[in-house]
Amino acid sequence: MSPRSISLLVMALYFWVAGALAQTSAYEIVDATSAQVMAVVQAAEAYADEDPERYYQQIEALLDPLIDYRGFSRSVMGAYASSRRYKSLDEAERAQLRDQLDRFTQVMRASLVRTYSKGLLAFGGSRIEVVPSEDDVPGAKRVSVRQNVFADRDDPYVVFYQMGLDQSDEWKLRNVIIESVNLGEIYRDQFQASAREENGDLDAVIAKWTVVTVDVDA
């Protein structure tokens, strides 16, 4: 089979899988992605120190179809990217805000993938259990899926993935809560504090943005 034929086959399989995911439940998507991610983490223990970019790229490829980075980033920007503020701006200011949201989404995507990937390495080999959600029923627009991570203590670490349907009726990750720590709220508070320090200069906030490391009680 020629390289071009292989590429076309991969593309066909990708779109077939993407179409299948649109028909599955939020639980099934989180469950399948969790298994794939942990398989990458376990394999990466042998090379991550020497080739971290290879590891980041593999995790990124698994997360990209799942996470609504733009929606998450807009939520983190809070009032600075709200519909109310957008409507109050003139056309030039709206264009500037759209550009700022685009740039912040890319920054957020890169920093989240790296922070998440580094954190996962500590849980390589851990048993993961995704619990079916009672609110994951036909017609539901938002679902919170629980994940138990059995690692270095008697009780599992508890993670909740808050999922929502997008305009294409595909489930996307909107927020994550780890051991009662709401990442969306943490990052929104961080953005607001940075914006105050920069006197509302969003370009400066975006240029200096680094995702904070969130510690959970062991």
N, C-alpha and C. Protein backbone atom coordinates (compact mmCIF):
# COMPACT_ATOMS: atom_id res chain seq x y z
N MET A 1 0.85 -1.19 0.00
CA MET A 1 0.00 0.00 0.00
C MET A 1 0.89 1.24 0.00
N SER A 2 0.58 2.22 -0.84
CA SER A 2 1.40 3.41 -0.96
C SER A 2 1.19 4.33 0.24
N PRO A 3 2.17 5.25 0.52
CA PRO A 3 2.00 6.22 1.62
C PRO A 3 0.72 7.03 1.48
N ARG A 4 0.37 7.42 0.24
CA ARG A 4 -0.84 8.20 0.03
C ARG A 4 -2.08 7.37 0.40
N SER A 5 -2.07 6.09 0.03
CA SER A 5 -3.21 5.23 0.36
C SER A 5 -3.35 5.06 1.86
N ILE A 6 -2.19 4.93 2.54
CA ILE A 6 -2.22 4.81 3.99
C ILE A 6 -2.78 6.08 4.62
N SER A 7 -2.36 7.26 4.10
CA SER A 7 -2.86 8.53 4.63
C SER A 7 -4.37 8.64 4.46
N LEU A 8 -4.87 8.23 3.30
CA LEU A 8 -6.31 8.29 3.04
C LEU A 8 -7.06 7.33 3.96
N LEU A 9 -6.45 6.17 4.21
CA LEU A 9 -7.08 5.20 5.10
C LEU A 9 -7.17 5.75 6.51
N VAL A 10 -6.07 6.39 6.96
CA VAL A 10 -6.06 6.99 8.30
C VAL A 10 -7.13 8.07 8.41
N MET A 11 -7.25 8.91 7.38
CA MET A 11 -8.25 9.97 7.38
C MET A 11 -9.65 9.38 7.44
N ALA A 12 -9.89 8.32 6.68
CA ALA A 12 -11.21 7.69 6.67
C ALA A 12 -11.55 7.12 8.04
N LEU A 13 -10.56 6.46 8.65
CA LEU A 13 -10.78 5.89 9.98
C LEU A 13 -11.04 6.98 11.00
N TYR A 14 -10.30 8.12 10.87
CA TYR A 14 -10.49 9.23 11.80
C TYR A 14 -11.92 9.75 11.75
N PHE A 15 -12.41 10.02 10.54
CA PHE A 15 -13.75 10.57 10.41
C PHE A 15 -14.81 9.54 10.80
N TRP A 16 -14.51 8.27 10.60
CA TRP A 16 -15.46 7.24 11.04
C TRP A 16 -15.56 7.23 12.56
N VAL A 17 -14.38 7.30 13.22
CA VAL A 17 -14.36 7.33 14.69
C VAL A 17 -15.03 8.58 15.21
N ALA A 18 -14.73 9.74 14.58
CA ALA A 18 -15.35 11.00 15.02
C ALA A 18 -16.86 10.93 14.91
N GLY A 19 -17.35 10.33 13.83
CA GLY A 19 -18.80 10.19 13.68
C GLY A 19 -19.39 9.26 14.72
N ALA A 20 -18.63 8.21 15.06
CA ALA A 20 -19.11 7.27 16.06
C ALA A 20 -19.19 7.92 17.44
N LEU A 21 -18.16 8.77 17.74
CA LEU A 21 -18.14 9.44 19.04
C LEU A 21 -19.36 10.33 19.23
N ALA A 22 -19.84 10.91 18.15
CA ALA A 22 -20.99 11.81 18.25
C ALA A 22 -22.23 11.05 18.69
N GLN A 23 -22.23 9.72 18.50
CA GLN A 23 -23.40 8.93 18.85
C GLN A 23 -23.27 8.28 20.22
N THR A 24 -22.11 8.40 20.87
CA THR A 24 -21.91 7.76 22.15
C THR A 24 -22.24 8.71 23.29
N SER A 25 -22.33 8.13 24.50
CA SER A 25 -22.66 8.93 25.67
C SER A 25 -21.42 9.63 26.20
N ALA A 26 -21.63 10.60 27.08
CA ALA A 26 -20.52 11.31 27.70
C ALA A 26 -19.66 10.34 28.50
N TYR A 27 -20.30 9.41 29.19
CA TYR A 27 -19.57 8.40 29.97
C TYR A 27 -18.67 7.57 29.08
N GLU A 28 -19.19 7.10 27.96
CA GLU A 28 -18.41 6.25 27.07
C GLU A 28 -17.20 7.00 26.50
N ILE A 29 -17.37 8.28 26.20
CA ILE A 29 -16.26 9.07 25.66
C ILE A 29 -15.17 9.26 26.72
N VAL A 30 -15.55 9.61 27.94
CA VAL A 30 -14.58 9.79 29.02
C VAL A 30 -13.89 8.47 29.33
N ASP A 31 -14.65 7.39 29.35
CA ASP A 31 -14.10 6.08 29.65
C ASP A 31 -13.06 5.67 28.60
N ALA A 32 -13.41 5.82 27.32
CA ALA A 32 -12.51 5.42 26.25
C ALA A 32 -11.26 6.29 26.22
N THR A 33 -11.44 7.62 26.39
CA THR A 33 -10.31 8.54 26.37
C THR A 33 -9.39 8.29 27.55
N SER A 34 -9.96 8.00 28.72
CA SER A 34 -9.15 7.73 29.91
C SER A 34 -8.24 6.52 29.68
N ALA A 35 -8.79 5.47 29.10
CA ALA A 35 -8.00 4.27 28.83
C ALA A 35 -6.88 4.55 27.85
N GLN A 36 -7.17 5.34 26.82
CA GLN A 36 -6.15 5.67 25.83
C GLN A 36 -5.05 6.54 26.44
N VAL A 37 -5.46 7.52 27.23
CA VAL A 37 -4.49 8.42 27.86
C VAL A 37 -3.56 7.65 28.80
N MET A 38 -4.12 6.78 29.62
CA MET A 38 -3.30 6.04 30.58
C MET A 38 -2.35 5.08 29.88
N ALA A 39 -2.76 4.55 28.73
CA ALA A 39 -1.87 3.69 27.95
C ALA A 39 -0.66 4.49 27.45
N VAL A 40 -0.91 5.73 27.01
CA VAL A 40 0.17 6.59 26.57
C VAL A 40 1.08 6.94 27.74
N VAL A 41 0.49 7.25 28.89
CA VAL A 41 1.27 7.60 30.08
C VAL A 41 2.18 6.45 30.50
N GLN A 42 1.64 5.25 30.51
CA GLN A 42 2.43 4.09 30.91
C GLN A 42 3.61 3.87 29.96
N ALA A 43 3.36 4.00 28.67
CA ALA A 43 4.43 3.82 27.68
C ALA A 43 5.46 4.94 27.77
N ALA A 44 5.01 6.14 28.13
CA ALA A 44 5.88 7.32 28.15
C ALA A 44 6.90 7.29 29.29
N GLU A 45 6.68 6.45 30.29
CA GLU A 45 7.62 6.38 31.39
C GLU A 45 9.02 6.00 30.92
N ALA A 46 9.08 5.33 29.75
CA ALA A 46 10.37 4.88 29.23
C ALA A 46 11.11 5.95 28.42
N TYR A 47 10.39 7.03 28.01
CA TYR A 47 11.05 8.01 27.14
C TYR A 47 10.74 9.48 27.46
N ALA A 48 9.79 9.76 28.34
CA ALA A 48 9.33 11.13 28.57
C ALA A 48 10.45 12.08 29.01
N ASP A 49 11.39 11.60 29.80
CA ASP A 49 12.47 12.47 30.26
C ASP A 49 13.36 12.91 29.11
N GLU A 50 13.61 12.01 28.16
CA GLU A 50 14.49 12.33 27.03
C GLU A 50 13.75 13.02 25.89
N ASP A 51 12.47 12.71 25.73
CA ASP A 51 11.71 13.25 24.59
C ASP A 51 10.31 13.69 25.05
N PRO A 52 10.23 14.74 25.88
CA PRO A 52 8.92 15.16 26.41
C PRO A 52 7.96 15.62 25.34
N GLU A 53 8.47 16.24 24.25
CA GLU A 53 7.58 16.73 23.20
C GLU A 53 6.80 15.59 22.55
N ARG A 54 7.44 14.46 22.36
CA ARG A 54 6.75 13.29 21.80
C ARG A 54 5.57 12.90 22.69
N TYR A 55 5.80 12.92 23.99
CA TYR A 55 4.74 12.60 24.95
C TYR A 55 3.62 13.62 24.91
N TYR A 56 3.98 14.92 24.93
CA TYR A 56 2.97 15.97 24.91
C TYR A 56 2.10 15.87 23.65
N GLN A 57 2.74 15.60 22.52
CA GLN A 57 2.00 15.52 21.27
C GLN A 57 1.00 14.37 21.26
N GLN A 58 1.36 13.25 21.87
CA GLN A 58 0.45 12.11 21.92
C GLN A 58 -0.76 12.41 22.82
N ILE A 59 -0.50 13.04 23.96
CA ILE A 59 -1.60 13.41 24.85
C ILE A 59 -2.49 14.46 24.17
N GLU A 60 -1.86 15.42 23.52
CA GLU A 60 -2.60 16.48 22.84
C GLU A 60 -3.52 15.90 21.77
N ALA A 61 -3.03 14.92 21.02
CA ALA A 61 -3.84 14.30 19.97
C ALA A 61 -5.08 13.62 20.53
N LEU A 62 -4.97 13.08 21.75
CA LEU A 62 -6.12 12.43 22.37
C LEU A 62 -7.10 13.45 22.95
N LEU A 63 -6.59 14.56 23.45
CA LEU A 63 -7.44 15.55 24.11
C LEU A 63 -8.13 16.51 23.14
N ASP A 64 -7.49 16.79 22.02
CA ASP A 64 -8.03 17.79 21.08
C ASP A 64 -9.47 17.52 20.66
N PRO A 65 -9.85 16.27 20.32
CA PRO A 65 -11.25 16.05 19.92
C PRO A 65 -12.23 16.15 21.08
N LEU A 66 -11.71 16.12 22.31
CA LEU A 66 -12.58 16.06 23.48
C LEU A 66 -12.84 17.41 24.13
N ILE A 67 -11.83 18.29 24.12
CA ILE A 67 -11.92 19.53 24.90
C ILE A 67 -12.38 20.71 24.05
N ASP A 68 -13.32 21.47 24.57
CA ASP A 68 -13.74 22.72 23.95
C ASP A 68 -12.82 23.82 24.47
N TYR A 69 -11.62 23.91 23.89
CA TYR A 69 -10.62 24.86 24.38
C TYR A 69 -11.11 26.30 24.30
N ARG A 70 -11.80 26.64 23.21
CA ARG A 70 -12.26 28.02 23.04
C ARG A 70 -13.33 28.37 24.07
N GLY A 71 -14.27 27.46 24.28
CA GLY A 71 -15.31 27.70 25.27
C GLY A 71 -14.73 27.80 26.67
N PHE A 72 -13.77 26.92 26.97
CA PHE A 72 -13.12 26.94 28.28
C PHE A 72 -12.35 28.25 28.47
N SER A 73 -11.62 28.66 27.42
CA SER A 73 -10.83 29.88 27.51
C SER A 73 -11.72 31.11 27.69
N ARG A 74 -12.82 31.14 26.97
CA ARG A 74 -13.75 32.27 27.10
C ARG A 74 -14.32 32.33 28.51
N SER A 75 -14.60 31.16 29.08
CA SER A 75 -15.11 31.12 30.46
C SER A 75 -14.05 31.63 31.44
N VAL A 76 -12.79 31.27 31.20
CA VAL A 76 -11.71 31.73 32.07
C VAL A 76 -11.56 33.25 31.99
N MET A 77 -11.73 33.82 30.80
CA MET A 77 -11.64 35.27 30.63
C MET A 77 -12.80 35.99 31.31
N GLY A 78 -13.87 35.27 31.60
CA GLY A 78 -14.98 35.83 32.36
C GLY A 78 -15.61 37.04 31.71
N ALA A 79 -15.81 38.09 32.49
CA ALA A 79 -16.50 39.30 32.01
C ALA A 79 -15.76 39.96 30.85
N TYR A 80 -14.45 39.73 30.74
CA TYR A 80 -13.67 40.35 29.66
C TYR A 80 -14.04 39.80 28.29
N ALA A 81 -14.64 38.59 28.25
CA ALA A 81 -15.03 38.00 26.97
C ALA A 81 -16.52 37.65 26.95
N SER A 82 -17.28 38.30 27.79
CA SER A 82 -18.71 38.02 27.87
C SER A 82 -19.47 38.58 26.67
N SER A 83 -20.64 38.02 26.40
CA SER A 83 -21.48 38.53 25.31
C SER A 83 -21.88 39.97 25.57
N ARG A 84 -22.13 40.30 26.83
CA ARG A 84 -22.52 41.66 27.18
C ARG A 84 -21.42 42.66 26.83
N ARG A 85 -20.17 42.33 27.17
CA ARG A 85 -19.06 43.24 26.85
C ARG A 85 -18.87 43.31 25.34
N TYR A 86 -18.95 42.17 24.67
CA TYR A 86 -18.75 42.14 23.22
C TYR A 86 -19.75 43.05 22.51
N LYS A 87 -21.00 43.02 22.93
CA LYS A 87 -22.03 43.84 22.30
C LYS A 87 -21.82 45.33 22.57
N SER A 88 -21.10 45.64 23.63
CA SER A 88 -20.88 47.05 23.97
C SER A 88 -19.72 47.67 23.18
N LEU A 89 -18.97 46.85 22.45
CA LEU A 89 -17.79 47.33 21.73
C LEU A 89 -18.13 47.75 20.32
N ASP A 90 -17.28 48.61 19.75
CA ASP A 90 -17.44 48.94 18.33
C ASP A 90 -16.78 47.83 17.50
N GLU A 91 -16.86 47.91 16.19
CA GLU A 91 -16.41 46.80 15.35
C GLU A 91 -14.90 46.56 15.48
N ALA A 92 -14.12 47.62 15.57
CA ALA A 92 -12.67 47.46 15.72
C ALA A 92 -12.34 46.79 17.05
N GLU A 93 -13.04 47.17 18.10
CA GLU A 93 -12.81 46.59 19.42
C GLU A 93 -13.25 45.13 19.46
N ARG A 94 -14.34 44.83 18.74
CA ARG A 94 -14.80 43.44 18.66
C ARG A 94 -13.76 42.56 17.96
N ALA A 95 -13.19 43.08 16.88
CA ALA A 95 -12.16 42.35 16.15
C ALA A 95 -10.95 42.09 17.05
N GLN A 96 -10.60 43.10 17.85
CA GLN A 96 -9.48 42.95 18.78
C GLN A 96 -9.78 41.88 19.82
N LEU A 97 -11.00 41.87 20.35
CA LEU A 97 -11.37 40.89 21.36
C LEU A 97 -11.38 39.47 20.76
N ARG A 98 -11.86 39.33 19.53
CA ARG A 98 -11.85 38.01 18.89
C ARG A 98 -10.41 37.51 18.72
N ASP A 99 -9.53 38.42 18.34
CA ASP A 99 -8.12 38.06 18.19
C ASP A 99 -7.52 37.66 19.53
N GLN A 100 -7.86 38.41 20.58
CA GLN A 100 -7.34 38.09 21.91
C GLN A 100 -7.85 36.73 22.37
N LEU A 101 -9.12 36.42 22.11
CA LEU A 101 -9.67 35.13 22.49
C LEU A 101 -8.99 34.01 21.70
N ASP A 102 -8.74 34.24 20.42
CA ASP A 102 -8.04 33.24 19.61
C ASP A 102 -6.65 32.95 20.18
N ARG A 103 -5.92 34.02 20.50
CA ARG A 103 -4.56 33.85 21.02
C ARG A 103 -4.56 33.22 22.39
N PHE A 104 -5.51 33.62 23.23
CA PHE A 104 -5.57 33.04 24.58
C PHE A 104 -5.95 31.56 24.51
N THR A 105 -6.80 31.19 23.57
CA THR A 105 -7.17 29.79 23.40
C THR A 105 -5.95 28.95 23.06
N GLN A 106 -5.09 29.44 22.19
CA GLN A 106 -3.89 28.70 21.83
C GLN A 106 -2.92 28.59 23.01
N VAL A 107 -2.78 29.69 23.75
CA VAL A 107 -1.90 29.68 24.93
C VAL A 107 -2.45 28.72 25.98
N MET A 108 -3.76 28.78 26.19
CA MET A 108 -4.40 27.93 27.19
C MET A 108 -4.28 26.46 26.80
N ARG A 109 -4.47 26.17 25.54
CA ARG A 109 -4.38 24.80 25.04
C ARG A 109 -2.99 24.23 25.31
N ALA A 110 -1.96 24.97 24.94
CA ALA A 110 -0.60 24.49 25.10
C ALA A 110 -0.24 24.30 26.57
N SER A 111 -0.60 25.28 27.40
CA SER A 111 -0.22 25.19 28.82
C SER A 111 -1.02 24.12 29.55
N LEU A 112 -2.29 23.94 29.19
CA LEU A 112 -3.09 22.90 29.81
C LEU A 112 -2.57 21.51 29.47
N VAL A 113 -2.24 21.30 28.20
CA VAL A 113 -1.74 19.99 27.78
C VAL A 113 -0.47 19.64 28.53
N ARG A 114 0.45 20.59 28.64
CA ARG A 114 1.71 20.31 29.32
C ARG A 114 1.53 20.10 30.81
N THR A 115 0.71 20.93 31.45
CA THR A 115 0.47 20.78 32.88
C THR A 115 -0.22 19.46 33.18
N TYR A 116 -1.24 19.13 32.37
CA TYR A 116 -1.98 17.89 32.54
C TYR A 116 -1.07 16.69 32.30
N SER A 117 -0.25 16.76 31.26
CA SER A 117 0.63 15.64 30.91
C SER A 117 1.66 15.38 32.00
N LYS A 118 2.26 16.44 32.53
CA LYS A 118 3.24 16.28 33.60
C LYS A 118 2.60 15.66 34.84
N GLY A 119 1.39 16.13 35.17
CA GLY A 119 0.70 15.59 36.33
C GLY A 119 0.36 14.12 36.19
N LEU A 120 0.02 13.70 34.98
CA LEU A 120 -0.37 12.32 34.74
C LEU A 120 0.77 11.34 34.97
N LEU A 121 2.01 11.77 34.73
CA LEU A 121 3.14 10.87 34.88
C LEU A 121 3.24 10.30 36.30
N ALA A 122 2.73 11.06 37.27
CA ALA A 122 2.77 10.58 38.65
C ALA A 122 1.78 9.45 38.90
N PHE A 123 0.84 9.26 37.95
CA PHE A 123 -0.19 8.25 38.14
C PHE A 123 -0.06 7.09 37.15
N GLY A 124 1.11 6.96 36.52
CA GLY A 124 1.32 5.85 35.61
C GLY A 124 1.15 4.52 36.33
N GLY A 125 0.38 3.61 35.75
CA GLY A 125 0.14 2.32 36.37
C GLY A 125 -1.02 2.30 37.35
N SER A 126 -1.62 3.48 37.62
CA SER A 126 -2.76 3.54 38.54
C SER A 126 -4.01 2.95 37.87
N ARG A 127 -4.87 2.41 38.70
CA ARG A 127 -6.14 1.89 38.17
C ARG A 127 -7.14 3.02 38.06
N ILE A 128 -7.79 3.10 36.91
CA ILE A 128 -8.76 4.16 36.65
C ILE A 128 -10.16 3.54 36.52
N GLU A 129 -11.11 4.15 37.18
CA GLU A 129 -12.50 3.68 37.10
C GLU A 129 -13.40 4.87 36.76
N VAL A 130 -14.12 4.76 35.66
CA VAL A 130 -15.08 5.79 35.28
C VAL A 130 -16.47 5.31 35.65
N VAL A 131 -17.19 6.12 36.41
CA VAL A 131 -18.49 5.72 36.95
C VAL A 131 -19.62 6.26 36.07
N PRO A 132 -20.53 5.39 35.61
CA PRO A 132 -21.67 5.87 34.81
C PRO A 132 -22.47 6.90 35.59
N SER A 133 -22.87 7.96 34.90
CA SER A 133 -23.60 9.05 35.54
C SER A 133 -25.11 8.87 35.41
N GLU A 134 -25.83 9.16 36.48
CA GLU A 134 -27.29 9.03 36.47
C GLU A 134 -27.94 10.08 35.58
N ASP A 135 -27.25 11.21 35.38
CA ASP A 135 -27.85 12.26 34.54
C ASP A 135 -27.43 12.14 33.07
N ASP A 136 -26.69 11.08 32.74
CA ASP A 136 -26.27 10.85 31.35
C ASP A 136 -27.37 10.07 30.64
N VAL A 137 -28.45 10.78 30.31
CA VAL A 137 -29.62 10.17 29.70
C VAL A 137 -29.94 10.86 28.38
N PRO A 138 -30.68 10.20 27.49
CA PRO A 138 -31.05 10.84 26.22
C PRO A 138 -31.71 12.20 26.45
N GLY A 139 -31.25 13.20 25.72
CA GLY A 139 -31.81 14.54 25.85
C GLY A 139 -31.03 15.45 26.76
N ALA A 140 -30.14 14.88 27.58
CA ALA A 140 -29.35 15.71 28.49
C ALA A 140 -28.34 16.53 27.71
N LYS A 141 -28.18 17.79 28.10
CA LYS A 141 -27.25 18.69 27.43
C LYS A 141 -25.94 18.83 28.20
N ARG A 142 -26.00 18.59 29.49
CA ARG A 142 -24.81 18.68 30.33
C ARG A 142 -24.76 17.48 31.27
N VAL A 143 -23.58 16.91 31.41
CA VAL A 143 -23.41 15.71 32.23
C VAL A 143 -22.09 15.83 32.99
N SER A 144 -22.10 15.41 34.26
CA SER A 144 -20.88 15.37 35.06
C SER A 144 -20.48 13.91 35.24
N VAL A 145 -19.32 13.54 34.70
CA VAL A 145 -18.86 12.16 34.74
C VAL A 145 -17.76 12.01 35.79
N ARG A 146 -17.95 11.05 36.69
CA ARG A 146 -16.98 10.84 37.77
C ARG A 146 -15.92 9.82 37.37
N GLN A 147 -14.69 10.13 37.75
CA GLN A 147 -13.57 9.22 37.53
C GLN A 147 -12.85 9.00 38.87
N ASN A 148 -12.63 7.75 39.23
CA ASN A 148 -11.87 7.41 40.43
C ASN A 148 -10.48 6.96 40.02
N VAL A 149 -9.46 7.55 40.65
CA VAL A 149 -8.07 7.19 40.36
C VAL A 149 -7.49 6.54 41.61
N PHE A 150 -7.21 5.25 41.52
CA PHE A 150 -6.66 4.50 42.65
C PHE A 150 -5.14 4.52 42.55
N ALA A 151 -4.52 5.25 43.51
CA ALA A 151 -3.08 5.43 43.42
C ALA A 151 -2.38 5.10 44.73
N ASP A 152 -1.94 6.14 45.47
CA ASP A 152 -1.05 5.94 46.61
C ASP A 152 -1.76 6.10 47.96
N ARG A 153 -3.06 5.93 48.01
CA ARG A 153 -3.78 6.04 49.27
C ARG A 153 -4.99 5.12 49.24
N ASP A 154 -5.62 4.93 50.39
CA ASP A 154 -6.76 4.00 50.47
C ASP A 154 -7.94 4.47 49.64
N ASP A 155 -8.28 5.75 49.79
CA ASP A 155 -9.41 6.30 49.03
C ASP A 155 -8.93 6.80 47.66
N PRO A 156 -9.75 6.64 46.65
CA PRO A 156 -9.33 7.09 45.32
C PRO A 156 -9.35 8.62 45.22
N TYR A 157 -8.54 9.15 44.32
CA TYR A 157 -8.67 10.55 43.94
C TYR A 157 -9.91 10.64 43.07
N VAL A 158 -10.73 11.67 43.29
CA VAL A 158 -12.00 11.80 42.56
C VAL A 158 -11.92 12.99 41.61
N VAL A 159 -12.21 12.71 40.35
CA VAL A 159 -12.21 13.74 39.32
C VAL A 159 -13.58 13.76 38.66
N PHE A 160 -14.14 14.95 38.50
CA PHE A 160 -15.41 15.09 37.78
C PHE A 160 -15.15 15.84 36.47
N TYR A 161 -15.56 15.23 35.36
CA TYR A 161 -15.46 15.87 34.06
C TYR A 161 -16.83 16.42 33.70
N GLN A 162 -16.93 17.73 33.59
CA GLN A 162 -18.19 18.36 33.24
C GLN A 162 -18.27 18.47 31.72
N MET A 163 -19.19 17.71 31.15
CA MET A 163 -19.33 17.59 29.70
C MET A 163 -20.57 18.34 29.22
N GLY A 164 -20.49 18.87 28.02
CA GLY A 164 -21.64 19.56 27.43
C GLY A 164 -21.71 19.29 25.94
N LEU A 165 -22.91 19.32 25.39
CA LEU A 165 -23.09 19.13 23.95
C LEU A 165 -22.81 20.44 23.23
N ASP A 166 -22.04 20.37 22.14
CA ASP A 166 -21.79 21.56 21.35
C ASP A 166 -22.87 21.71 20.28
N GLN A 167 -22.71 22.66 19.38
CA GLN A 167 -23.72 22.92 18.36
C GLN A 167 -23.87 21.77 17.37
N SER A 168 -22.86 20.90 17.31
CA SER A 168 -22.94 19.73 16.43
C SER A 168 -23.42 18.49 17.17
N ASP A 169 -23.91 18.70 18.40
CA ASP A 169 -24.38 17.59 19.24
C ASP A 169 -23.28 16.59 19.54
N GLU A 170 -22.06 17.09 19.72
CA GLU A 170 -20.94 16.26 20.13
C GLU A 170 -20.56 16.64 21.56
N TRP A 171 -20.23 15.63 22.37
CA TRP A 171 -19.85 15.90 23.75
C TRP A 171 -18.45 16.50 23.81
N LYS A 172 -18.32 17.60 24.55
CA LYS A 172 -17.04 18.26 24.74
C LYS A 172 -16.82 18.52 26.23
N LEU A 173 -15.56 18.44 26.64
CA LEU A 173 -15.22 18.73 28.02
C LEU A 173 -15.24 20.23 28.25
N ARG A 174 -16.00 20.68 29.25
CA ARG A 174 -16.14 22.11 29.54
C ARG A 174 -15.39 22.53 30.80
N ASN A 175 -15.19 21.58 31.73
CA ASN A 175 -14.52 21.94 32.98
C ASN A 175 -14.13 20.65 33.70
N VAL A 176 -13.19 20.77 34.64
CA VAL A 176 -12.74 19.63 35.42
C VAL A 176 -12.69 20.03 36.89
N ILE A 177 -13.18 19.14 37.75
CA ILE A 177 -13.11 19.35 39.20
C ILE A 177 -12.31 18.19 39.79
N ILE A 178 -11.19 18.52 40.44
CA ILE A 178 -10.31 17.51 41.02
C ILE A 178 -10.33 17.64 42.53
N GLU A 179 -10.84 16.60 43.20
CA GLU A 179 -10.88 16.63 44.66
C GLU A 179 -11.52 17.93 45.17
N SER A 180 -12.64 18.30 44.58
CA SER A 180 -13.41 19.49 44.95
C SER A 180 -12.75 20.80 44.51
N VAL A 181 -11.63 20.73 43.81
CA VAL A 181 -10.98 21.94 43.29
C VAL A 181 -11.47 22.17 41.87
N ASN A 182 -12.19 23.27 41.66
CA ASN A 182 -12.77 23.59 40.36
C ASN A 182 -11.72 24.33 39.52
N LEU A 183 -11.19 23.64 38.49
CA LEU A 183 -10.13 24.25 37.70
C LEU A 183 -10.60 25.50 36.97
N GLY A 184 -11.83 25.46 36.45
CA GLY A 184 -12.35 26.62 35.76
C GLY A 184 -12.36 27.86 36.64
N GLU A 185 -12.79 27.69 37.90
CA GLU A 185 -12.83 28.82 38.82
C GLU A 185 -11.43 29.29 39.20
N ILE A 186 -10.52 28.32 39.40
CA ILE A 186 -9.14 28.67 39.75
C ILE A 186 -8.53 29.54 38.65
N TYR A 187 -8.68 29.10 37.40
CA TYR A 187 -8.08 29.83 36.28
C TYR A 187 -8.79 31.16 36.03
N ARG A 188 -10.11 31.22 36.28
CA ARG A 188 -10.83 32.48 36.11
C ARG A 188 -10.34 33.51 37.13
N ASP A 189 -10.15 33.07 38.38
CA ASP A 189 -9.63 33.97 39.41
C ASP A 189 -8.22 34.44 39.05
N GLN A 190 -7.42 33.52 38.50
CA GLN A 190 -6.06 33.87 38.08
C GLN A 190 -6.08 34.93 36.98
N PHE A 191 -7.00 34.75 36.02
CA PHE A 191 -7.09 35.71 34.91
C PHE A 191 -7.54 37.07 35.42
N GLN A 192 -8.52 37.08 36.30
CA GLN A 192 -9.02 38.35 36.83
C GLN A 192 -7.93 39.09 37.60
N ALA A 193 -7.16 38.34 38.40
CA ALA A 193 -6.08 38.97 39.18
C ALA A 193 -5.01 39.54 38.25
N SER A 194 -4.67 38.78 37.21
CA SER A 194 -3.66 39.25 36.26
C SER A 194 -4.15 40.48 35.50
N ALA A 195 -5.44 40.47 35.15
CA ALA A 195 -6.00 41.61 34.42
C ALA A 195 -5.97 42.88 35.28
N ARG A 196 -6.22 42.73 36.58
CA ARG A 196 -6.15 43.88 37.48
C ARG A 196 -4.71 44.40 37.57
N GLU A 197 -3.75 43.48 37.67
CA GLU A 197 -2.35 43.88 37.76
C GLU A 197 -1.89 44.61 36.50
N GLU A 198 -2.47 44.22 35.36
CA GLU A 198 -2.08 44.83 34.08
C GLU A 198 -3.02 45.97 33.67
N ASN A 199 -3.87 46.42 34.62
CA ASN A 199 -4.80 47.52 34.35
C ASN A 199 -5.69 47.25 33.14
N GLY A 200 -6.14 46.00 33.03
CA GLY A 200 -7.07 45.64 31.96
C GLY A 200 -6.42 45.38 30.62
N ASP A 201 -5.10 45.36 30.56
CA ASP A 201 -4.39 45.10 29.30
C ASP A 201 -4.38 43.60 29.04
N LEU A 202 -5.35 43.12 28.24
CA LEU A 202 -5.48 41.68 28.01
C LEU A 202 -4.31 41.11 27.22
N ASP A 203 -3.72 41.93 26.33
CA ASP A 203 -2.56 41.46 25.58
C ASP A 203 -1.41 41.10 26.52
N ALA A 204 -1.22 41.91 27.55
CA ALA A 204 -0.16 41.66 28.52
C ALA A 204 -0.47 40.41 29.34
N VAL A 205 -1.74 40.25 29.71
CA VAL A 205 -2.15 39.06 30.47
C VAL A 205 -1.88 37.79 29.67
N ILE A 206 -2.26 37.81 28.41
CA ILE A 206 -2.09 36.63 27.55
C ILE A 206 -0.61 36.33 27.34
N ALA A 207 0.20 37.37 27.16
CA ALA A 207 1.63 37.19 26.92
C ALA A 207 2.32 36.54 28.11
N LYS A 208 1.83 36.82 29.32
CA LYS A 208 2.47 36.32 30.54
C LYS A 208 1.79 35.08 31.11
N TRP A 209 0.75 34.59 30.44
CA TRP A 209 -0.08 33.53 31.03
C TRP A 209 0.68 32.22 31.20
N THR A 210 0.57 31.66 32.39
CA THR A 210 1.06 30.33 32.70
C THR A 210 0.03 29.67 33.61
N VAL A 211 -0.40 28.47 33.26
CA VAL A 211 -1.39 27.78 34.08
C VAL A 211 -0.80 27.45 35.44
N VAL A 212 -1.53 27.80 36.49
CA VAL A 212 -1.05 27.52 37.84
C VAL A 212 -1.16 26.02 38.10
N THR A 213 -0.24 25.52 38.93
CA THR A 213 -0.29 24.12 39.33
C THR A 213 -1.24 23.99 40.50
N VAL A 214 -2.20 23.09 40.38
CA VAL A 214 -3.20 22.92 41.42
C VAL A 214 -2.86 21.67 42.24
N ASP A 215 -2.60 21.86 43.52
CA ASP A 215 -2.29 20.73 44.40
C ASP A 215 -3.58 20.25 45.06
N VAL A 216 -3.69 18.91 45.21
CA VAL A 216 -4.83 18.33 45.91
C VAL A 216 -4.30 17.60 47.14
N ASP A 217 -5.13 17.53 48.16
CA ASP A 217 -4.73 16.84 49.40
C ASP A 217 -4.62 15.36 49.16
N ALA A 218 -3.54 14.79 49.61
CA ALA A 218 -3.35 13.33 49.46
C ALA A 218 -4.00 12.59 50.61
